[in-house]
Amino acid sequence: MLTKNEHSECASEIGENFAETQLDTLHRIHFDIFTLFPSMFSGPLNESIIKRAIDRALISICLHNIRDFTTDRHHICDDTPYGGGGGMIMKPEPIVRAVETVLTHPAGWSLSPEDAYVNLPTWSADAPASLPPDTPVILLTPQGRLLNQRIVADLAQHQRLALICGRYEGVDERVRLQVVTDEISIGDYVISGGELAAMILIDAVTRLLPGALGFDLGAHQDSHSPGLDGLLEGPQYTRPPTFRDQSVPSILLSGHHANVDRWRREQALLRTLHRRPDLLNHASLTASDLAFLHKNGWSPSDRQVSST
């Protein structure tokens, strides 16, 4: 993924054309990832759907090592918190310098390994840089808004996304105030850093791009997606028809497409009712959906019935 010394650069092993201008990315998404641990991305970005999306020029990704933008002798990126307490806090200067330097260059730009630390582009610690207004700068943090499919769909409309991966006890608050435009969490729990969260966000956004999946409607019909009106997807089966005395439902073998579609809809309603009934409060439900749910024990109040 990166050179052995893990300097900032676009990942040449996952695509051949990373040195590009903004014009080249008009019909795809470019991700700029700011992290202290770029090698963590090597496996996920070199496999499966993301790798194919890169090969097909649907997305491009640059990894930027925040440490490359330090100028002190020991390249320090963290320090003890003011006011005391345990842990370390990521310093504002390296992060802000990295983000402002990268985002004031065209998409696809990265700092050359030989320029790290010693030959950095001009940057002012006192005057904020003018960042592109249409590029969200997202801090991955457990304090952010909870990621869901609607947010993923909104992010997929952008041509460039910047992701900051926090570490240790968090980042200095002035990073938020200076460059961050959005904060996203992948759940109400804490992990060791934002790298895994960034990988999840990249994967979720990439799946929505036309041509990323083998079946173009696949993402549209996933759980939480518009094709299922925000419901959970029902059970799926494939060969063999019988496994350990459990058989595939006969309706799926009938060849009657209308009946199969109705069964799948009902199973999606049942699975959502049993596992995430809260989703039913916001799902687009028809009169027949409501009747089916009522028959199975759900009693909604003041529901808006969509047109059948």
C-alpha atoms as a PDB file:
ATOM      1  CA  MET A   1       0.000   0.000   0.000  1.00  0.00           C
ATOM      2  CA  LEU A   2       2.661   2.495   1.041  1.00  0.00           C
ATOM      3  CA  THR A   3       6.409   2.691   0.959  1.00  0.00           C
ATOM      4  CA  LYS A   4       8.135   0.878   3.778  1.00  0.00           C
ATOM      5  CA  ASN A   5       8.677   4.068   5.757  1.00  0.00           C
ATOM      6  CA  GLU A   6       4.942   4.789   5.556  1.00  0.00           C
ATOM      7  CA  HIS A   7       5.186   8.324   4.224  1.00  0.00           C
ATOM      8  CA  SER A   8       2.148  10.074   2.823  1.00  0.00           C
ATOM      9  CA  GLU A   9       1.396   9.138  -0.724  1.00  0.00           C
ATOM     10  CA  CYS A  10      -1.424   7.975  -2.909  1.00  0.00           C
ATOM     11  CA  ALA A  11      -1.687   4.232  -2.859  1.00  0.00           C
ATOM     12  CA  SER A  12      -0.095   3.207  -6.140  1.00  0.00           C
ATOM     13  CA  GLU A  13      -0.600  -0.496  -5.492  1.00  0.00           C
ATOM     14  CA  ILE A  14      -4.368  -0.084  -5.557  1.00  0.00           C
ATOM     15  CA  GLY A  15      -4.538   1.951  -8.732  1.00  0.00           C
ATOM     16  CA  GLU A  16      -2.261   3.278 -11.400  1.00  0.00           C
ATOM     17  CA  ASN A  17      -3.601   6.806 -11.911  1.00  0.00           C
ATOM     18  CA  PHE A  18      -3.541   8.617  -8.590  1.00  0.00           C
ATOM     19  CA  ALA A  19      -1.649  11.732  -9.709  1.00  0.00           C
ATOM     20  CA  GLU A  20      -4.741  13.458 -11.046  1.00  0.00           C
ATOM     21  CA  THR A  21      -6.439  16.817 -11.180  1.00  0.00           C
ATOM     22  CA  GLN A  22      -9.861  17.686  -9.790  1.00  0.00           C
ATOM     23  CA  LEU A  23     -11.222  17.574 -13.348  1.00  0.00           C
ATOM     24  CA  ASP A  24     -10.309  13.888 -13.565  1.00  0.00           C
ATOM     25  CA  THR A  25     -12.478  13.094 -10.543  1.00  0.00           C
ATOM     26  CA  LEU A  26     -15.680  14.795 -11.680  1.00  0.00           C
ATOM     27  CA  HIS A  27     -17.535  11.511 -12.071  1.00  0.00           C
ATOM     28  CA  ARG A  28     -16.194   9.610  -9.072  1.00  0.00           C
ATOM     29  CA  ILE A  29     -15.231  10.097  -5.419  1.00  0.00           C
ATOM     30  CA  HIS A  30     -11.769  10.853  -4.119  1.00  0.00           C
ATOM     31  CA  PHE A  31     -10.985  10.055  -0.465  1.00  0.00           C
ATOM     32  CA  ASP A  32      -8.204  11.822   1.463  1.00  0.00           C
ATOM     33  CA  ILE A  33      -7.448   9.908   4.660  1.00  0.00           C
ATOM     34  CA  PHE A  34      -5.423  11.512   7.461  1.00  0.00           C
ATOM     35  CA  THR A  35      -3.955   8.989   9.881  1.00  0.00           C
ATOM     36  CA  LEU A  36      -0.958   8.110  12.036  1.00  0.00           C
ATOM     37  CA  PHE A  37      -1.172   4.495  10.883  1.00  0.00           C
ATOM     38  CA  PRO A  38      -1.545   4.360   7.081  1.00  0.00           C
ATOM     39  CA  SER A  39      -0.406   0.726   6.855  1.00  0.00           C
ATOM     40  CA  MET A  40      -3.630  -0.327   8.601  1.00  0.00           C
ATOM     41  CA  PHE A  41      -5.473   0.348   5.322  1.00  0.00           C
ATOM     42  CA  SER A  42      -3.347  -1.972   3.202  1.00  0.00           C
ATOM     43  CA  GLY A  43      -5.530  -5.076   3.375  1.00  0.00           C
ATOM     44  CA  PRO A  44      -9.036  -3.548   3.173  1.00  0.00           C
ATOM     45  CA  LEU A  45      -8.160  -1.284   0.232  1.00  0.00           C
ATOM     46  CA  ASN A  46      -6.529  -4.102  -1.699  1.00  0.00           C
ATOM     47  CA  GLU A  47      -9.423  -6.549  -1.639  1.00  0.00           C
ATOM     48  CA  SER A  48     -12.913  -7.154  -2.951  1.00  0.00           C
ATOM     49  CA  ILE A  49     -15.329  -4.342  -3.802  1.00  0.00           C
ATOM     50  CA  ILE A  50     -13.062  -1.422  -2.909  1.00  0.00           C
ATOM     51  CA  LYS A  51     -10.178  -2.831  -4.953  1.00  0.00           C
ATOM     52  CA  ARG A  52     -12.457  -3.342  -7.961  1.00  0.00           C
ATOM     53  CA  ALA A  53     -13.884   0.165  -7.583  1.00  0.00           C
ATOM     54  CA  ILE A  54     -10.369   1.585  -7.654  1.00  0.00           C
ATOM     55  CA  ASP A  55      -9.430  -0.507 -10.677  1.00  0.00           C
ATOM     56  CA  ARG A  56     -12.566   0.733 -12.465  1.00  0.00           C
ATOM     57  CA  ALA A  57     -11.751   4.364 -11.580  1.00  0.00           C
ATOM     58  CA  LEU A  58     -14.954   4.703  -9.550  1.00  0.00           C
ATOM     59  CA  ILE A  59     -13.018   5.928  -6.533  1.00  0.00           C
ATOM     60  CA  SER A  60      -9.476   7.043  -5.738  1.00  0.00           C
ATOM     61  CA  ILE A  61      -7.812   7.126  -2.337  1.00  0.00           C
ATOM     62  CA  CYS A  62      -4.815   8.958  -0.886  1.00  0.00           C
ATOM     63  CA  LEU A  63      -3.398   8.136   2.524  1.00  0.00           C
ATOM     64  CA  HIS A  64      -1.683  10.997   4.332  1.00  0.00           C
ATOM     65  CA  ASN A  65       0.527  10.307   7.320  1.00  0.00           C
ATOM     66  CA  ILE A  66      -0.104  13.132   9.793  1.00  0.00           C
ATOM     67  CA  ARG A  67       3.393  12.686  11.208  1.00  0.00           C
ATOM     68  CA  ASP A  68       4.889  13.732   7.860  1.00  0.00           C
ATOM     69  CA  PHE A  69       3.635  17.255   8.504  1.00  0.00           C
ATOM     70  CA  THR A  70       5.564  17.761  11.757  1.00  0.00           C
ATOM     71  CA  THR A  71       8.697  19.909  11.871  1.00  0.00           C
ATOM     72  CA  ASP A  72      10.080  19.231  15.357  1.00  0.00           C
ATOM     73  CA  ARG A  73      13.080  16.981  15.829  1.00  0.00           C
ATOM     74  CA  HIS A  74      11.132  14.001  17.175  1.00  0.00           C
ATOM     75  CA  HIS A  75       8.022  14.423  14.965  1.00  0.00           C
ATOM     76  CA  ILE A  76       5.656  14.479  17.939  1.00  0.00           C
ATOM     77  CA  CYS A  77       1.927  14.295  17.191  1.00  0.00           C
ATOM     78  CA  ASP A  78       0.518  13.954  20.719  1.00  0.00           C
ATOM     79  CA  ASP A  79       0.967  15.467  24.151  1.00  0.00           C
ATOM     80  CA  THR A  80      -0.446  15.309  27.685  1.00  0.00           C
ATOM     81  CA  PRO A  81      -3.819  16.985  28.292  1.00  0.00           C
ATOM     82  CA  TYR A  82      -4.051  20.375  29.943  1.00  0.00           C
ATOM     83  CA  GLY A  83      -5.791  20.060  33.280  1.00  0.00           C
ATOM     84  CA  GLY A  84      -4.415  16.603  33.921  1.00  0.00           C
ATOM     85  CA  GLY A  85      -5.934  13.207  33.337  1.00  0.00           C
ATOM     86  CA  GLY A  86      -4.783  10.020  31.681  1.00  0.00           C
ATOM     87  CA  GLY A  87      -3.890   9.384  28.085  1.00  0.00           C
ATOM     88  CA  MET A  88      -2.527  11.579  25.340  1.00  0.00           C
ATOM     89  CA  ILE A  89      -4.185  14.103  23.037  1.00  0.00           C
ATOM     90  CA  MET A  90      -3.384  14.547  19.350  1.00  0.00           C
ATOM     91  CA  LYS A  91      -1.814  17.981  18.794  1.00  0.00           C
ATOM     92  CA  PRO A  92      -3.654  20.470  16.569  1.00  0.00           C
ATOM     93  CA  GLU A  93      -0.756  21.713  14.416  1.00  0.00           C
ATOM     94  CA  PRO A  94       0.140  18.488  12.552  1.00  0.00           C
ATOM     95  CA  ILE A  95      -3.487  17.622  11.803  1.00  0.00           C
ATOM     96  CA  VAL A  96      -4.539  21.099  10.707  1.00  0.00           C
ATOM     97  CA  ARG A  97      -1.376  21.536   8.632  1.00  0.00           C
ATOM     98  CA  ALA A  98      -1.907  18.176   6.932  1.00  0.00           C
ATOM     99  CA  VAL A  99      -5.575  18.841   6.139  1.00  0.00           C
ATOM    100  CA  GLU A 100      -5.086  22.413   4.935  1.00  0.00           C
ATOM    101  CA  THR A 101      -2.040  21.519   2.851  1.00  0.00           C
ATOM    102  CA  VAL A 102      -3.669  18.563   1.130  1.00  0.00           C
ATOM    103  CA  LEU A 103      -7.084  20.118   0.534  1.00  0.00           C
ATOM    104  CA  THR A 104      -5.634  23.273  -1.009  1.00  0.00           C
ATOM    105  CA  HIS A 105      -4.090  21.029  -3.679  1.00  0.00           C
ATOM    106  CA  PRO A 106      -6.061  19.180  -6.382  1.00  0.00           C
ATOM    107  CA  ALA A 107      -7.537  15.782  -5.534  1.00  0.00           C
ATOM    108  CA  GLY A 108      -4.870  13.137  -5.882  1.00  0.00           C
ATOM    109  CA  TRP A 109      -2.011  15.251  -4.522  1.00  0.00           C
ATOM    110  CA  SER A 110       0.156  13.841  -1.739  1.00  0.00           C
ATOM    111  CA  LEU A 111       3.395  14.813  -0.075  1.00  0.00           C
ATOM    112  CA  SER A 112       6.430  13.133  -1.622  1.00  0.00           C
ATOM    113  CA  PRO A 113       8.285  10.859   0.832  1.00  0.00           C
ATOM    114  CA  GLU A 114      11.506  12.806   0.384  1.00  0.00           C
ATOM    115  CA  ASP A 115       9.711  16.044   1.323  1.00  0.00           C
ATOM    116  CA  ALA A 116       8.265  14.783   4.620  1.00  0.00           C
ATOM    117  CA  TYR A 117       9.333  16.884   7.620  1.00  0.00           C
ATOM    118  CA  VAL A 118      11.940  18.919   5.724  1.00  0.00           C
ATOM    119  CA  ASN A 119      10.376  20.346   2.573  1.00  0.00           C
ATOM    120  CA  LEU A 120       6.749  20.996   3.390  1.00  0.00           C
ATOM    121  CA  PRO A 121       4.591  23.380   1.349  1.00  0.00           C
ATOM    122  CA  THR A 122       4.181  26.842   2.794  1.00  0.00           C
ATOM    123  CA  TRP A 123       1.610  26.968   5.582  1.00  0.00           C
ATOM    124  CA  SER A 124       0.603  29.583   8.127  1.00  0.00           C
ATOM    125  CA  ALA A 125      -0.056  28.604  11.730  1.00  0.00           C
ATOM    126  CA  ASP A 126      -1.841  31.925  12.263  1.00  0.00           C
ATOM    127  CA  ALA A 127      -4.019  32.324   9.159  1.00  0.00           C
ATOM    128  CA  PRO A 128      -6.569  29.602   8.295  1.00  0.00           C
ATOM    129  CA  ALA A 129      -6.393  28.283   4.756  1.00  0.00           C
ATOM    130  CA  SER A 130      -9.357  28.564   2.410  1.00  0.00           C
ATOM    131  CA  LEU A 131     -10.629  25.005   2.031  1.00  0.00           C
ATOM    132  CA  PRO A 132     -12.955  23.835  -0.771  1.00  0.00           C
ATOM    133  CA  PRO A 133     -16.501  24.367   0.564  1.00  0.00           C
ATOM    134  CA  ASP A 134     -17.893  21.285  -1.182  1.00  0.00           C
ATOM    135  CA  THR A 135     -15.437  18.870   0.485  1.00  0.00           C
ATOM    136  CA  PRO A 136     -16.677  17.547   3.846  1.00  0.00           C
ATOM    137  CA  VAL A 137     -13.889  17.199   6.411  1.00  0.00           C
ATOM    138  CA  ILE A 138     -15.069  14.374   8.648  1.00  0.00           C
ATOM    139  CA  LEU A 139     -13.642  13.492  12.034  1.00  0.00           C
ATOM    140  CA  LEU A 140     -14.278   9.846  12.942  1.00  0.00           C
ATOM    141  CA  THR A 141     -15.172  10.007  16.630  1.00  0.00           C
ATOM    142  CA  PRO A 142     -17.555   8.289  19.088  1.00  0.00           C
ATOM    143  CA  GLN A 143     -18.974  11.767  19.762  1.00  0.00           C
ATOM    144  CA  GLY A 144     -20.187  12.180  16.170  1.00  0.00           C
ATOM    145  CA  ARG A 145     -23.611  11.623  14.653  1.00  0.00           C
ATOM    146  CA  LEU A 146     -24.411   7.952  14.252  1.00  0.00           C
ATOM    147  CA  LEU A 147     -23.692   6.674  10.744  1.00  0.00           C
ATOM    148  CA  ASN A 148     -26.708   5.346   8.869  1.00  0.00           C
ATOM    149  CA  GLN A 149     -27.682   4.627   5.287  1.00  0.00           C
ATOM    150  CA  ARG A 150     -29.145   8.090   4.745  1.00  0.00           C
ATOM    151  CA  ILE A 151     -25.862   9.731   5.741  1.00  0.00           C
ATOM    152  CA  VAL A 152     -23.959   7.301   3.522  1.00  0.00           C
ATOM    153  CA  ALA A 153     -26.182   8.215   0.574  1.00  0.00           C
ATOM    154  CA  ASP A 154     -25.632  11.933   1.209  1.00  0.00           C
ATOM    155  CA  LEU A 155     -21.841  11.491   1.346  1.00  0.00           C
ATOM    156  CA  ALA A 156     -21.910   9.517  -1.901  1.00  0.00           C
ATOM    157  CA  GLN A 157     -23.064  12.678  -3.688  1.00  0.00           C
ATOM    158  CA  HIS A 158     -19.745  14.429  -3.062  1.00  0.00           C
ATOM    159  CA  GLN A 159     -16.743  14.273  -5.358  1.00  0.00           C
ATOM    160  CA  ARG A 160     -14.175  14.486  -2.562  1.00  0.00           C
ATOM    161  CA  LEU A 161     -14.246  13.447   1.100  1.00  0.00           C
ATOM    162  CA  ALA A 162     -11.595  14.055   3.767  1.00  0.00           C
ATOM    163  CA  LEU A 163     -11.480  11.659   6.723  1.00  0.00           C
ATOM    164  CA  ILE A 164      -9.515  12.398   9.906  1.00  0.00           C
ATOM    165  CA  CYS A 165      -8.701   9.363  12.032  1.00  0.00           C
ATOM    166  CA  GLY A 166      -8.450  10.258  15.693  1.00  0.00           C
ATOM    167  CA  ARG A 167      -6.242   8.314  18.114  1.00  0.00           C
ATOM    168  CA  TYR A 168      -5.389   8.034  21.816  1.00  0.00           C
ATOM    169  CA  GLU A 169      -7.777  10.037  24.047  1.00  0.00           C
ATOM    170  CA  GLY A 170      -8.885  12.149  21.100  1.00  0.00           C
ATOM    171  CA  VAL A 171      -7.887  15.261  19.204  1.00  0.00           C
ATOM    172  CA  ASP A 172      -7.339  18.796  20.451  1.00  0.00           C
ATOM    173  CA  GLU A 173     -10.675  20.647  20.315  1.00  0.00           C
ATOM    174  CA  ARG A 174      -9.172  23.297  18.033  1.00  0.00           C
ATOM    175  CA  VAL A 175      -8.960  20.725  15.227  1.00  0.00           C
ATOM    176  CA  ARG A 176     -12.750  20.619  15.289  1.00  0.00           C
ATOM    177  CA  LEU A 177     -12.998  24.383  15.335  1.00  0.00           C
ATOM    178  CA  GLN A 178     -10.498  24.982  12.532  1.00  0.00           C
ATOM    179  CA  VAL A 179     -11.048  22.333   9.849  1.00  0.00           C
ATOM    180  CA  VAL A 180     -13.725  19.773  10.773  1.00  0.00           C
ATOM    181  CA  THR A 181     -17.135  20.179   9.106  1.00  0.00           C
ATOM    182  CA  ASP A 182     -18.741  16.918  10.247  1.00  0.00           C
ATOM    183  CA  GLU A 183     -18.250  14.289  12.952  1.00  0.00           C
ATOM    184  CA  ILE A 184     -19.346  10.696  12.468  1.00  0.00           C
ATOM    185  CA  SER A 185     -19.519   7.702  14.786  1.00  0.00           C
ATOM    186  CA  ILE A 186     -20.036   4.086  13.720  1.00  0.00           C
ATOM    187  CA  GLY A 187     -21.710   3.153  16.998  1.00  0.00           C
ATOM    188  CA  ASP A 188     -22.091   3.816  20.696  1.00  0.00           C
ATOM    189  CA  TYR A 189     -18.821   2.184  21.661  1.00  0.00           C
ATOM    190  CA  VAL A 190     -15.145   3.123  21.620  1.00  0.00           C
ATOM    191  CA  ILE A 191     -12.411   1.622  19.443  1.00  0.00           C
ATOM    192  CA  SER A 192      -8.706   2.388  19.419  1.00  0.00           C
ATOM    193  CA  GLY A 193      -8.791   4.872  16.564  1.00  0.00           C
ATOM    194  CA  GLY A 194     -10.688   6.221  13.593  1.00  0.00           C
ATOM    195  CA  GLU A 195      -8.976   4.005  11.008  1.00  0.00           C
ATOM    196  CA  LEU A 196     -11.468   1.140  11.241  1.00  0.00           C
ATOM    197  CA  ALA A 197     -14.351   3.597  11.192  1.00  0.00           C
ATOM    198  CA  ALA A 198     -12.897   5.239   8.068  1.00  0.00           C
ATOM    199  CA  MET A 199     -12.683   1.869   6.341  1.00  0.00           C
ATOM    200  CA  ILE A 200     -16.340   1.203   7.123  1.00  0.00           C
ATOM    201  CA  LEU A 201     -17.403   4.590   5.793  1.00  0.00           C
ATOM    202  CA  ILE A 202     -15.390   4.152   2.579  1.00  0.00           C
ATOM    203  CA  ASP A 203     -16.885   0.706   2.011  1.00  0.00           C
ATOM    204  CA  ALA A 204     -20.453   1.887   2.647  1.00  0.00           C
ATOM    205  CA  VAL A 205     -20.112   4.865   0.300  1.00  0.00           C
ATOM    206  CA  THR A 206     -18.365   2.862  -2.432  1.00  0.00           C
ATOM    207  CA  ARG A 207     -21.155   0.266  -2.534  1.00  0.00           C
ATOM    208  CA  LEU A 208     -23.596   2.944  -3.671  1.00  0.00           C
ATOM    209  CA  LEU A 209     -21.636   3.938  -6.755  1.00  0.00           C
ATOM    210  CA  PRO A 210     -22.975   2.544 -10.033  1.00  0.00           C
ATOM    211  CA  GLY A 211     -20.669  -0.230 -11.225  1.00  0.00           C
ATOM    212  CA  ALA A 212     -19.159  -0.973  -7.807  1.00  0.00           C
ATOM    213  CA  LEU A 213     -21.229  -4.119  -7.251  1.00  0.00           C
ATOM    214  CA  GLY A 214     -21.736  -7.037  -9.599  1.00  0.00           C
ATOM    215  CA  PHE A 215     -25.507  -6.466  -9.429  1.00  0.00           C
ATOM    216  CA  ASP A 216     -26.335  -2.793  -9.963  1.00  0.00           C
ATOM    217  CA  LEU A 217     -29.490  -2.917  -7.802  1.00  0.00           C
ATOM    218  CA  GLY A 218     -27.757  -4.799  -4.982  1.00  0.00           C
ATOM    219  CA  ALA A 219     -27.085  -1.783  -2.781  1.00  0.00           C
ATOM    220  CA  HIS A 220     -30.570  -0.382  -3.518  1.00  0.00           C
ATOM    221  CA  GLN A 221     -32.149  -3.549  -2.088  1.00  0.00           C
ATOM    222  CA  ASP A 222     -29.944  -3.989   0.983  1.00  0.00           C
ATOM    223  CA  SER A 223     -31.192  -3.640   4.539  1.00  0.00           C
ATOM    224  CA  HIS A 224     -31.935   0.013   5.440  1.00  0.00           C
ATOM    225  CA  SER A 225     -31.929   1.002   1.759  1.00  0.00           C
ATOM    226  CA  PRO A 226     -34.634   2.797  -0.257  1.00  0.00           C
ATOM    227  CA  GLY A 227     -35.448  -0.324  -2.263  1.00  0.00           C
ATOM    228  CA  LEU A 228     -36.669  -1.933   0.960  1.00  0.00           C
ATOM    229  CA  ASP A 229     -38.212   1.263   2.314  1.00  0.00           C
ATOM    230  CA  GLY A 230     -35.709   1.221   5.172  1.00  0.00           C
ATOM    231  CA  LEU A 231     -36.621  -2.306   6.316  1.00  0.00           C
ATOM    232  CA  LEU A 232     -34.270  -5.167   7.108  1.00  0.00           C
ATOM    233  CA  GLU A 233     -33.759  -7.688   4.322  1.00  0.00           C
ATOM    234  CA  GLY A 234     -35.465 -11.025   4.811  1.00  0.00           C
ATOM    235  CA  PRO A 235     -33.820 -14.494   4.810  1.00  0.00           C
ATOM    236  CA  GLN A 236     -31.848 -15.625   1.764  1.00  0.00           C
ATOM    237  CA  TYR A 237     -31.249 -19.157   0.434  1.00  0.00           C
ATOM    238  CA  THR A 238     -29.086 -20.849  -2.179  1.00  0.00           C
ATOM    239  CA  ARG A 239     -28.083 -24.415  -3.085  1.00  0.00           C
ATOM    240  CA  PRO A 240     -28.403 -27.111  -1.823  1.00  0.00           C
ATOM    241  CA  PRO A 241     -32.204 -27.221  -1.531  1.00  0.00           C
ATOM    242  CA  THR A 242     -31.902 -29.216   1.736  1.00  0.00           C
ATOM    243  CA  PHE A 243     -29.208 -28.888   4.379  1.00  0.00           C
ATOM    244  CA  ARG A 244     -29.346 -30.770   7.707  1.00  0.00           C
ATOM    245  CA  ASP A 245     -33.024 -31.496   7.190  1.00  0.00           C
ATOM    246  CA  GLN A 246     -33.812 -27.826   6.666  1.00  0.00           C
ATOM    247  CA  SER A 247     -35.320 -27.111   3.263  1.00  0.00           C
ATOM    248  CA  VAL A 248     -35.547 -23.967   1.192  1.00  0.00           C
ATOM    249  CA  PRO A 249     -39.091 -22.519   1.374  1.00  0.00           C
ATOM    250  CA  SER A 250     -41.056 -24.047  -1.471  1.00  0.00           C
ATOM    251  CA  ILE A 251     -42.290 -20.677  -2.703  1.00  0.00           C
ATOM    252  CA  LEU A 252     -38.737 -19.749  -3.725  1.00  0.00           C
ATOM    253  CA  LEU A 253     -38.684 -22.816  -5.982  1.00  0.00           C
ATOM    254  CA  SER A 254     -42.107 -22.156  -7.495  1.00  0.00           C
ATOM    255  CA  GLY A 255     -41.002 -19.818 -10.281  1.00  0.00           C
ATOM    256  CA  HIS A 256     -43.964 -17.554  -9.507  1.00  0.00           C
ATOM    257  CA  HIS A 257     -42.285 -14.166  -9.342  1.00  0.00           C
ATOM    258  CA  ALA A 258     -45.228 -12.226  -7.929  1.00  0.00           C
ATOM    259  CA  ASN A 259     -45.631 -14.705  -5.077  1.00  0.00           C
ATOM    260  CA  VAL A 260     -41.869 -14.673  -4.436  1.00  0.00           C
ATOM    261  CA  ASP A 261     -41.863 -10.868  -4.292  1.00  0.00           C
ATOM    262  CA  ARG A 262     -44.793 -10.840  -1.878  1.00  0.00           C
ATOM    263  CA  TRP A 263     -43.117 -13.491   0.337  1.00  0.00           C
ATOM    264  CA  ARG A 264     -39.881 -11.510   0.412  1.00  0.00           C
ATOM    265  CA  ARG A 265     -41.729  -8.342   1.366  1.00  0.00           C
ATOM    266  CA  GLU A 266     -43.530 -10.125   4.186  1.00  0.00           C
ATOM    267  CA  GLN A 267     -40.320 -11.694   5.426  1.00  0.00           C
ATOM    268  CA  ALA A 268     -38.635  -8.277   5.439  1.00  0.00           C
ATOM    269  CA  LEU A 269     -41.544  -6.918   7.486  1.00  0.00           C
ATOM    270  CA  LEU A 270     -41.357  -9.834   9.928  1.00  0.00           C
ATOM    271  CA  ARG A 271     -37.591  -9.618  10.353  1.00  0.00           C
ATOM    272  CA  THR A 272     -37.813  -5.891  10.970  1.00  0.00           C
ATOM    273  CA  LEU A 273     -40.672  -6.379  13.432  1.00  0.00           C
ATOM    274  CA  HIS A 274     -38.763  -9.005  15.401  1.00  0.00           C
ATOM    275  CA  ARG A 275     -35.292  -7.455  15.321  1.00  0.00           C
ATOM    276  CA  ARG A 276     -35.641  -3.681  14.778  1.00  0.00           C
ATOM    277  CA  PRO A 277     -39.255  -2.653  15.338  1.00  0.00           C
ATOM    278  CA  ASP A 278     -38.082   0.948  15.720  1.00  0.00           C
ATOM    279  CA  LEU A 279     -37.410   1.045  11.971  1.00  0.00           C
ATOM    280  CA  LEU A 280     -41.109   0.532  11.257  1.00  0.00           C
ATOM    281  CA  ASN A 281     -41.872   3.984  12.638  1.00  0.00           C
ATOM    282  CA  HIS A 282     -40.045   5.586   9.713  1.00  0.00           C
ATOM    283  CA  ALA A 283     -40.556   3.003   6.958  1.00  0.00           C
ATOM    284  CA  SER A 284     -42.781   3.679   3.985  1.00  0.00           C
ATOM    285  CA  LEU A 285     -45.559   1.130   4.518  1.00  0.00           C
ATOM    286  CA  THR A 286     -48.521   0.354   2.319  1.00  0.00           C
ATOM    287  CA  ALA A 287     -51.987  -0.567   3.552  1.00  0.00           C
ATOM    288  CA  SER A 288     -51.240  -4.237   2.895  1.00  0.00           C
ATOM    289  CA  ASP A 289     -47.957  -3.911   4.842  1.00  0.00           C
ATOM    290  CA  LEU A 290     -49.837  -2.465   7.801  1.00  0.00           C
ATOM    291  CA  ALA A 291     -52.477  -5.182   7.655  1.00  0.00           C
ATOM    292  CA  PHE A 292     -49.786  -7.876   7.587  1.00  0.00           C
ATOM    293  CA  LEU A 293     -47.941  -6.318  10.529  1.00  0.00           C
ATOM    294  CA  HIS A 294     -51.170  -5.922  12.520  1.00  0.00           C
ATOM    295  CA  LYS A 295     -51.921  -9.618  11.927  1.00  0.00           C
ATOM    296  CA  ASN A 296     -48.509 -10.403  13.372  1.00  0.00           C
ATOM    297  CA  GLY A 297     -48.958  -8.374  16.526  1.00  0.00           C
ATOM    298  CA  TRP A 298     -47.810  -4.856  15.669  1.00  0.00           C
ATOM    299  CA  SER A 299     -50.112  -1.994  16.656  1.00  0.00           C
ATOM    300  CA  PRO A 300     -48.847   1.293  15.223  1.00  0.00           C
ATOM    301  CA  SER A 301     -50.458   4.609  16.057  1.00  0.00           C
ATOM    302  CA  ASP A 302     -51.222   7.371  13.536  1.00  0.00           C
ATOM    303  CA  ARG A 303     -49.374   5.827  10.656  1.00  0.00           C
ATOM    304  CA  GLN A 304     -49.280   7.565   7.244  1.00  0.00           C
ATOM    305  CA  VAL A 305     -50.224   5.038   4.565  1.00  0.00           C
ATOM    306  CA  SER A 306     -48.257   5.366   1.322  1.00  0.00           C
ATOM    307  CA  SER A 307     -49.856   4.790  -2.041  1.00  0.00           C
ATOM    308  CA  THR A 308     -49.894   1.182  -3.192  1.00  0.00           C
END
